[in-house]
Amino acid sequence: MNNTHHTDSQPAELTRKSYEKELKKLQVELCHLQAWATSEGARIILLFESRDAAGKGGIIKAITERVSPRVFRVVALPAPSEREKTQMFIQRYIPHFPAAGEIVILDRSWYNRAGVEYVMGFVDPDEHKRFLRLCPQIEKYVVDAGIVLIKLWLEVGMEEQERRFNARIDDPLRQWKLSPMDTESYRLWYDYSRARDLMFKATHSEHAPWTIVRSDDKRRARLNCIAHILKMIPSKNVSREKVRLPKRSSKGRYDDQASLRGMNFAAERY
């Protein structure tokens, strides 16, 4: 995919304090990117794919935590309806494509056809081959239209995935993340690996390359992923006038707290 080599030596643990310090710096850069995208009318798609439990949700949360949801729009579509199953494979994603000044984050994408649909037998082999053949052509059309398309694959190891699945089983706050499809993906590890390899071979193109982010270490994965996104988008800092609060008008002044007496308030338990 690129010239970055991965070694088996484990780096020192990234402390929470160090992680949060670096994340804050990157989130400031994301705010600069947001201002630039808005002023320039840029259209950007950040496409995330991975195995289950690879940490997509955490990375997307880290990206969107400090920015406007009107600029950074997260799109996580449910399973296709009966009608959508009869459409072109990319058709239901197109309405969510960015307009000027928008950055769309696809939490899974049309690549479902190359992953879960293919492995679980929801699509026949000929349709799968057709998808892999047509996908680079359609992505060329998207990129030529002026949309920045960044495709990211989070690569989690077998042991780490198992650890995360077990953690979900025992944690009531994360049990909702574990579906029957997830447990099947755990069982079919090598089928998913082969599907991934086929997908990369067919759709890793010059105009829309894949970038792999190793995600066994969640904190490092988030930082590395955001840093890569910022590097891929040639944004510039936009100068902004300092906002000054105007003087509050006292015209029509009255006791606006007294008028709330008798209304229902949440109990102040904390």
Protein backbone atom coordinates (compact mmCIF):
# COMPACT_ATOMS: atom_id res chain seq x y z
CA MET A 1 0.00 0.00 0.00
CA ASN A 2 2.84 2.39 0.84
CA ASN A 3 6.44 2.38 1.96
CA THR A 4 5.70 2.40 5.69
CA HIS A 5 7.02 -0.77 7.32
CA HIS A 6 5.48 -2.29 10.43
CA THR A 7 7.74 -3.87 13.01
CA ASP A 8 6.77 -6.33 15.72
CA SER A 9 8.54 -4.37 18.48
CA GLN A 10 5.98 -2.85 20.83
CA PRO A 11 6.35 0.90 21.46
CA ALA A 12 6.04 2.23 25.00
CA GLU A 13 2.48 2.72 26.22
CA LEU A 14 0.99 6.06 25.29
CA THR A 15 -0.32 7.54 28.53
CA ARG A 16 -3.76 9.13 28.67
CA LYS A 17 -2.18 12.51 29.43
CA SER A 18 0.15 12.33 26.40
CA TYR A 19 -2.66 11.05 24.19
CA GLU A 20 -5.05 13.83 25.19
CA LYS A 21 -2.35 16.48 24.69
CA GLU A 22 -1.61 15.26 21.14
CA LEU A 23 -5.29 14.76 20.34
CA LYS A 24 -6.07 18.35 21.34
CA LYS A 25 -3.38 19.64 18.92
CA LEU A 26 -4.84 17.56 16.10
CA GLN A 27 -8.39 18.65 16.93
CA VAL A 28 -7.27 22.29 16.67
CA GLU A 29 -5.98 21.44 13.17
CA LEU A 30 -9.34 19.83 12.36
CA CYS A 31 -11.03 23.11 13.36
CA HIS A 32 -8.68 24.93 10.95
CA LEU A 33 -9.58 22.38 8.27
CA GLN A 34 -13.27 23.02 8.94
CA ALA A 35 -12.83 26.79 8.50
CA TRP A 36 -10.86 26.23 5.27
CA ALA A 37 -13.40 23.75 3.86
CA THR A 38 -16.23 26.18 4.57
CA SER A 39 -14.46 29.19 3.05
CA GLU A 40 -13.19 27.29 -0.01
CA GLY A 41 -16.34 25.24 -0.62
CA ALA A 42 -14.32 22.02 -0.45
CA ARG A 43 -16.09 18.66 -0.72
CA ILE A 44 -14.46 15.81 1.17
CA ILE A 45 -15.35 12.16 1.84
CA LEU A 46 -13.58 10.25 4.61
CA LEU A 47 -14.43 6.59 4.01
CA PHE A 48 -13.86 4.13 6.86
CA GLU A 49 -13.84 0.36 6.46
CA SER A 50 -12.57 -2.38 8.76
CA ARG A 51 -13.29 -5.68 10.41
CA ASP A 52 -15.65 -5.57 13.37
CA ALA A 53 -14.16 -4.20 16.62
CA ALA A 54 -11.32 -2.42 14.81
CA GLY A 55 -12.08 0.92 16.49
CA LYS A 56 -13.93 2.87 13.78
CA GLY A 57 -16.37 4.42 16.22
CA GLY A 58 -13.61 5.72 18.49
CA ILE A 59 -11.70 7.30 15.62
CA ILE A 60 -14.81 8.93 14.18
CA LYS A 61 -15.71 10.28 17.64
CA ALA A 62 -12.20 11.73 18.05
CA ILE A 63 -12.50 13.45 14.65
CA THR A 64 -15.97 14.92 15.28
CA GLU A 65 -15.69 15.76 19.00
CA ARG A 66 -14.74 19.44 18.57
CA VAL A 67 -16.14 20.36 15.16
CA SER A 68 -19.55 21.28 13.77
CA PRO A 69 -21.87 18.38 12.86
CA ARG A 70 -23.15 20.55 10.01
CA VAL A 71 -19.69 20.51 8.39
CA PHE A 72 -18.45 17.09 9.52
CA ARG A 73 -21.45 14.85 8.75
CA VAL A 74 -21.33 11.22 9.87
CA VAL A 75 -23.24 8.79 7.63
CA ALA A 76 -23.85 5.29 9.02
CA LEU A 77 -26.54 3.67 6.90
CA PRO A 78 -28.57 0.69 8.16
CA ALA A 79 -28.98 -2.54 6.21
CA PRO A 80 -30.53 -1.84 2.79
CA SER A 81 -34.31 -1.99 2.44
CA GLU A 82 -35.94 -4.34 -0.06
CA ARG A 83 -36.17 -1.44 -2.52
CA GLU A 84 -32.54 -0.42 -1.98
CA LYS A 85 -31.40 -3.99 -2.63
CA THR A 86 -32.58 -3.55 -6.23
CA GLN A 87 -30.62 -0.31 -6.77
CA MET A 88 -27.08 0.18 -8.09
CA PHE A 89 -24.60 -0.68 -5.36
CA ILE A 90 -23.53 2.96 -4.82
CA GLN A 91 -26.94 4.56 -5.38
CA ARG A 92 -28.06 4.89 -1.75
CA TYR A 93 -24.81 6.58 -0.77
CA ILE A 94 -24.91 9.30 -3.45
CA PRO A 95 -27.61 11.43 -1.72
CA HIS A 96 -25.23 11.69 1.25
CA PHE A 97 -22.29 12.98 -0.81
CA PRO A 98 -20.91 16.36 0.30
CA ALA A 99 -22.03 19.72 -1.03
CA ALA A 100 -19.67 22.72 -0.87
CA GLY A 101 -18.13 23.16 2.57
CA GLU A 102 -18.99 19.67 3.81
CA ILE A 103 -16.86 16.78 5.04
CA VAL A 104 -18.79 13.51 4.98
CA ILE A 105 -17.56 10.65 7.15
CA LEU A 106 -18.78 7.28 5.88
CA ASP A 107 -18.95 4.78 8.74
CA ARG A 108 -18.90 1.88 6.30
CA SER A 109 -19.64 2.48 2.66
CA TRP A 110 -20.34 0.88 -0.70
CA TYR A 111 -17.47 -1.46 0.21
CA ASN A 112 -20.00 -3.47 2.22
CA ARG A 113 -20.44 -5.30 -1.08
CA ALA A 114 -16.80 -6.37 -1.03
CA GLY A 115 -16.87 -7.30 2.65
CA VAL A 116 -19.86 -8.47 4.66
CA GLU A 117 -22.19 -8.96 1.66
CA TYR A 118 -19.63 -11.09 -0.15
CA VAL A 119 -18.46 -13.13 2.85
CA MET A 120 -21.98 -13.77 4.17
CA GLY A 121 -23.29 -14.73 0.71
CA PHE A 122 -25.72 -11.77 0.39
CA VAL A 123 -24.38 -11.08 -3.09
CA ASP A 124 -23.56 -13.64 -5.78
CA PRO A 125 -19.93 -14.03 -6.96
CA ASP A 126 -20.61 -12.46 -10.37
CA GLU A 127 -22.06 -9.32 -8.77
CA HIS A 128 -19.04 -9.18 -6.45
CA LYS A 129 -16.65 -9.36 -9.42
CA ARG A 130 -18.67 -6.71 -11.25
CA PHE A 131 -18.50 -4.43 -8.20
CA LEU A 132 -14.72 -4.76 -7.96
CA ARG A 133 -14.37 -4.04 -11.66
CA LEU A 134 -16.66 -0.98 -11.72
CA CYS A 135 -15.72 0.56 -8.37
CA PRO A 136 -12.45 2.24 -9.49
CA GLN A 137 -14.25 3.74 -12.51
CA ILE A 138 -17.01 5.24 -10.38
CA GLU A 139 -14.49 6.55 -7.83
CA LYS A 140 -12.58 8.17 -10.72
CA TYR A 141 -15.77 9.96 -11.68
CA VAL A 142 -16.23 11.13 -8.06
CA VAL A 143 -12.63 12.39 -7.78
CA ASP A 144 -12.72 14.05 -11.22
CA ALA A 145 -15.83 15.92 -10.07
CA GLY A 146 -13.61 17.64 -7.49
CA ILE A 147 -14.45 15.58 -4.39
CA VAL A 148 -11.51 14.64 -2.17
CA LEU A 149 -11.92 10.91 -1.43
CA ILE A 150 -9.82 9.45 1.38
CA LYS A 151 -10.22 5.68 1.91
CA LEU A 152 -9.09 4.30 5.28
CA TRP A 153 -8.89 0.68 6.38
CA LEU A 154 -8.42 -0.04 10.10
CA GLU A 155 -6.44 -3.23 10.58
CA VAL A 156 -6.97 -4.93 13.93
CA GLY A 157 -5.13 -8.12 14.87
CA MET A 158 -6.82 -11.44 15.60
CA GLU A 159 -5.95 -11.49 19.32
CA GLU A 160 -6.94 -7.86 19.89
CA GLN A 161 -10.28 -8.39 18.14
CA GLU A 162 -10.99 -11.36 20.40
CA ARG A 163 -10.10 -9.29 23.48
CA ARG A 164 -12.47 -6.49 22.39
CA PHE A 165 -15.31 -8.91 21.63
CA ASN A 166 -14.96 -10.47 25.10
CA ALA A 167 -14.95 -7.00 26.67
CA ARG A 168 -18.22 -6.22 24.87
CA ILE A 169 -19.83 -9.42 26.12
CA ASP A 170 -19.16 -8.40 29.75
CA ASP A 171 -19.88 -4.66 29.52
CA PRO A 172 -23.54 -3.49 29.55
CA LEU A 173 -22.42 -0.19 27.97
CA ARG A 174 -20.98 -2.03 24.97
CA GLN A 175 -23.20 -5.08 24.55
CA TRP A 176 -25.24 -3.22 21.91
CA LYS A 177 -22.10 -3.27 19.73
CA LEU A 178 -22.19 -7.07 19.50
CA SER A 179 -24.56 -8.40 16.84
CA PRO A 180 -24.96 -11.89 15.36
CA MET A 181 -23.13 -10.53 12.28
CA ASP A 182 -20.19 -9.58 14.50
CA THR A 183 -19.87 -13.05 15.98
CA GLU A 184 -20.01 -14.53 12.47
CA SER A 185 -17.22 -12.18 11.38
CA TYR A 186 -15.18 -13.47 14.33
CA ARG A 187 -15.71 -17.07 13.20
CA LEU A 188 -14.93 -16.28 9.56
CA TRP A 189 -11.66 -14.38 10.16
CA TYR A 190 -9.81 -15.79 7.15
CA ASP A 191 -12.78 -15.40 4.80
CA TYR A 192 -12.80 -11.70 5.71
CA SER A 193 -9.02 -11.55 5.21
CA ARG A 194 -9.36 -12.96 1.68
CA ALA A 195 -12.23 -10.58 0.91
CA ARG A 196 -10.05 -7.69 2.12
CA ASP A 197 -7.16 -8.81 -0.08
CA LEU A 198 -9.39 -9.05 -3.16
CA MET A 199 -10.83 -5.60 -2.41
CA PHE A 200 -7.39 -4.00 -2.08
CA LYS A 201 -6.09 -5.65 -5.23
CA ALA A 202 -9.01 -4.39 -7.32
CA THR A 203 -9.70 -0.96 -5.81
CA HIS A 204 -6.34 0.41 -4.61
CA SER A 205 -5.98 2.92 -7.45
CA GLU A 206 -3.81 5.94 -8.15
CA HIS A 207 -6.81 8.28 -7.95
CA ALA A 208 -8.38 6.62 -4.87
CA PRO A 209 -5.75 4.65 -2.92
CA TRP A 210 -6.34 2.83 0.35
CA THR A 211 -4.40 3.71 3.49
CA ILE A 212 -4.14 1.10 6.24
CA VAL A 213 -4.17 2.27 9.86
CA ARG A 214 -3.04 -0.32 12.40
CA SER A 215 -5.53 -0.17 15.24
CA ASP A 216 -4.47 -2.63 17.95
CA ASP A 217 -3.49 0.44 20.01
CA LYS A 218 -6.64 2.58 19.95
CA ARG A 219 -5.01 5.81 21.10
CA ARG A 220 -2.18 5.65 18.58
CA ALA A 221 -4.61 4.65 15.82
CA ARG A 222 -6.73 7.75 16.44
CA LEU A 223 -3.74 10.08 16.41
CA ASN A 224 -2.15 8.45 13.35
CA CYS A 225 -5.43 8.45 11.43
CA ILE A 226 -6.23 12.12 12.09
CA ALA A 227 -2.65 13.15 11.29
CA HIS A 228 -2.88 11.25 7.98
CA ILE A 229 -6.20 12.91 7.06
CA LEU A 230 -4.75 16.36 7.78
CA LYS A 231 -1.70 15.55 5.65
CA MET A 232 -3.87 14.39 2.72
CA ILE A 233 -5.95 17.58 2.55
CA PRO A 234 -3.96 20.65 1.41
CA SER A 235 -5.81 23.14 3.64
CA LYS A 236 -4.56 26.55 4.74
CA ASN A 237 -5.30 28.51 7.89
CA VAL A 238 -8.13 30.96 7.32
CA SER A 239 -7.76 34.29 9.12
CA ARG A 240 -10.83 35.19 11.13
CA GLU A 241 -11.82 38.41 12.79
CA LYS A 242 -11.86 38.19 16.57
CA VAL A 243 -15.44 37.99 17.81
CA ARG A 244 -16.42 40.71 20.29
CA LEU A 245 -19.58 40.40 22.33
CA PRO A 246 -21.90 43.39 21.89
CA LYS A 247 -23.36 45.19 24.89
CA ARG A 248 -26.58 43.55 26.07
CA SER A 249 -29.64 45.67 25.43
CA SER A 250 -31.64 46.54 28.53
CA LYS A 251 -34.66 47.50 26.45
CA GLY A 252 -37.73 45.59 27.65
CA ARG A 253 -35.89 44.49 30.78
CA TYR A 254 -37.87 42.30 33.22
CA ASP A 255 -37.36 39.47 35.74
CA ASP A 256 -37.04 36.59 33.25
CA GLN A 257 -36.47 34.04 36.03
CA ALA A 258 -39.67 34.90 37.90
CA SER A 259 -41.65 34.00 34.76
CA LEU A 260 -40.34 30.42 35.02
CA ARG A 261 -41.88 29.79 38.44
CA GLY A 262 -44.36 26.94 38.33
CA MET A 263 -42.65 25.25 35.36
CA ASN A 264 -41.26 21.70 35.56
CA PHE A 265 -37.50 21.53 36.25
CA ALA A 266 -35.28 18.46 36.23
CA ALA A 267 -34.43 17.36 39.76
CA GLU A 268 -30.96 18.61 40.73
CA ARG A 269 -29.56 15.29 41.90
CA TYR A 270 -25.92 16.07 41.17
